[in-house]
Amino acid sequence: MVTKKTKGTFQINKESKTFSSVVSIIMQIVLLENIKNLGNIGDVLNVKRGYARNYLIKNNKALYASEKNINEVNKKKAELNKKDLEVKKDAKKLFNLLNNKTFKVKKLVTENNELYGSVKPTEISKIIFEKENIKVKPSQMDLETGIKTVGMFKVNINLHAEIQANILIQVEKLEDNKI
């Protein structure tokens, strides 16, 4: 197999005489907010083009790293840091309300104590809203393991790039006569 580097990676397989291209073009961006495992406000980073265009830029988390945008972000850095501190303060309030709380879920189970289906982040989000009147997006939740059996499960909620709350989900058997 011969590999030739250009803007992307092109691979030619001589044995089967096929041609395939693996395009992984990197682009530079400047961050508008702190993002966990990526960087802080004003950082100029190299990321894959799809991640930049489809997520970071689309959700106003970053800009293309032109000289004009970098200078603009550096001028607005104090304002962006202030905005981030407000978001962090709100996340800290939610952390104090949610951290180490236990939420109960009753589900139909098989004879082996396995659930029919599973408990998903959307369902957990609805339960938190019903019990505590707090809106948590399902995308903010990290399940360590899939919830497919009866028992206690730990769920991490990413409230901010620096603040994560832990809740417990207790899955119980739904009594047959309460269907």
Foldseek 3Di string as FASTA:
>chain_A
DDWDDDQWIKDADPVVRDIDTDHFHKFWKAFLAAAAPPGGHLDIDIDTPCCCVVPCVVVVGIGGPDVVVSVVSVVCVVVSVVVQVVLVVVLVVVQVVAAAAEFEDEAAADPVQWGPDFQALVNVQVRCCVPPVDGADSVQKDFPDTGGGAAKGWIWGNSHSPDIGIYIYGYHYDDPVVD
